[in-house]
Amino acid sequence: MIRERSRPNATFLGLQTRLADNVKRIRKQKKWTQEEAAWQCGIATRLLQRIEAEDVNLTFVTFA
């Protein structure tokens, strides 16, 4: 059976925007590049870029 992809609801999109804005704000406060911030967080630079661009569906596992 093929599962349909559900579209994110407004609450999810709002949280995703807040997360992206906060990540960017903190990174800029620390005067870190995306590469340095990703290294400090232990994630790939591309993942950090996707977080800031609101182009990724994160789980709590990502933050653990």
C-alpha atoms as a PDB file:
ATOM      1  CA  MET A   1       0.000   0.000   0.000  1.00  0.00           C
ATOM      2  CA  ILE A   2       1.340   3.426  -0.933  1.00  0.00           C
ATOM      3  CA  ARG A   3       1.134   5.973   1.825  1.00  0.00           C
ATOM      4  CA  GLU A   4       0.136   9.504   0.901  1.00  0.00           C
ATOM      5  CA  ARG A   5       2.402  12.301   2.002  1.00  0.00           C
ATOM      6  CA  SER A   6       0.582  14.591   4.328  1.00  0.00           C
ATOM      7  CA  ARG A   7       0.958  18.316   4.031  1.00  0.00           C
ATOM      8  CA  PRO A   8       2.309  20.071   7.116  1.00  0.00           C
ATOM      9  CA  ASN A   9      -0.267  22.016   9.071  1.00  0.00           C
ATOM     10  CA  ALA A  10       0.010  25.658  10.123  1.00  0.00           C
ATOM     11  CA  THR A  11       1.211  24.801  13.630  1.00  0.00           C
ATOM     12  CA  PHE A  12       4.074  22.699  12.286  1.00  0.00           C
ATOM     13  CA  LEU A  13       5.064  25.372   9.790  1.00  0.00           C
ATOM     14  CA  GLY A  14       5.034  28.003  12.533  1.00  0.00           C
ATOM     15  CA  LEU A  15       7.296  25.895  14.736  1.00  0.00           C
ATOM     16  CA  GLN A  16       9.634  25.216  11.839  1.00  0.00           C
ATOM     17  CA  THR A  17       9.891  28.958  11.136  1.00  0.00           C
ATOM     18  CA  ARG A  18      10.565  29.760  14.793  1.00  0.00           C
ATOM     19  CA  LEU A  19      13.255  27.091  14.968  1.00  0.00           C
ATOM     20  CA  ALA A  20      14.957  28.381  11.816  1.00  0.00           C
ATOM     21  CA  ASP A  21      14.830  31.977  13.040  1.00  0.00           C
ATOM     22  CA  ASN A  22      16.255  31.041  16.437  1.00  0.00           C
ATOM     23  CA  VAL A  23      19.072  28.950  14.967  1.00  0.00           C
ATOM     24  CA  LYS A  24      20.065  31.827  12.666  1.00  0.00           C
ATOM     25  CA  ARG A  25      19.808  34.398  15.468  1.00  0.00           C
ATOM     26  CA  ILE A  26      21.973  32.414  17.875  1.00  0.00           C
ATOM     27  CA  ARG A  27      24.535  31.594  15.186  1.00  0.00           C
ATOM     28  CA  LYS A  28      24.831  35.251  14.241  1.00  0.00           C
ATOM     29  CA  GLN A  29      25.073  36.351  17.895  1.00  0.00           C
ATOM     30  CA  LYS A  30      28.035  34.024  18.298  1.00  0.00           C
ATOM     31  CA  LYS A  31      29.470  35.291  14.997  1.00  0.00           C
ATOM     32  CA  TRP A  32      29.765  31.750  13.708  1.00  0.00           C
ATOM     33  CA  THR A  33      29.715  30.706  10.082  1.00  0.00           C
ATOM     34  CA  GLN A  34      27.319  27.934   9.171  1.00  0.00           C
ATOM     35  CA  GLU A  35      30.276  25.575   8.997  1.00  0.00           C
ATOM     36  CA  GLU A  36      31.462  26.493  12.508  1.00  0.00           C
ATOM     37  CA  ALA A  37      27.956  26.297  13.972  1.00  0.00           C
ATOM     38  CA  ALA A  38      27.422  22.883  12.411  1.00  0.00           C
ATOM     39  CA  TRP A  39      30.739  21.665  13.818  1.00  0.00           C
ATOM     40  CA  GLN A  40      29.853  23.019  17.281  1.00  0.00           C
ATOM     41  CA  CYS A  41      26.485  21.207  17.115  1.00  0.00           C
ATOM     42  CA  GLY A  42      27.951  17.978  15.770  1.00  0.00           C
ATOM     43  CA  ILE A  43      25.854  17.986  12.599  1.00  0.00           C
ATOM     44  CA  ALA A  44      26.619  18.279   8.911  1.00  0.00           C
ATOM     45  CA  THR A  45      26.855  21.771   7.445  1.00  0.00           C
ATOM     46  CA  ARG A  46      24.224  20.868   4.859  1.00  0.00           C
ATOM     47  CA  LEU A  47      21.778  19.877   7.619  1.00  0.00           C
ATOM     48  CA  LEU A  48      22.288  23.232   9.360  1.00  0.00           C
ATOM     49  CA  GLN A  49      21.711  25.013   6.056  1.00  0.00           C
ATOM     50  CA  ARG A  50      18.496  23.060   5.534  1.00  0.00           C
ATOM     51  CA  ILE A  51      17.343  23.879   9.085  1.00  0.00           C
ATOM     52  CA  GLU A  52      17.900  27.588   8.507  1.00  0.00           C
ATOM     53  CA  ALA A  53      16.125  27.375   5.142  1.00  0.00           C
ATOM     54  CA  GLU A  54      13.141  25.548   6.721  1.00  0.00           C
ATOM     55  CA  ASP A  55      13.786  22.727   4.287  1.00  0.00           C
ATOM     56  CA  VAL A  56      13.946  19.785   6.674  1.00  0.00           C
ATOM     57  CA  ASN A  57      11.546  17.914   8.936  1.00  0.00           C
ATOM     58  CA  LEU A  58      13.466  17.468  12.174  1.00  0.00           C
ATOM     59  CA  THR A  59      12.795  15.034  14.973  1.00  0.00           C
ATOM     60  CA  PHE A  60      13.871  15.164  18.576  1.00  0.00           C
ATOM     61  CA  VAL A  61      16.435  12.488  17.717  1.00  0.00           C
ATOM     62  CA  THR A  62      18.218  15.106  15.596  1.00  0.00           C
ATOM     63  CA  PHE A  63      18.592  17.313  18.668  1.00  0.00           C
ATOM     64  CA  ALA A  64      19.677  14.546  21.060  1.00  0.00           C
END
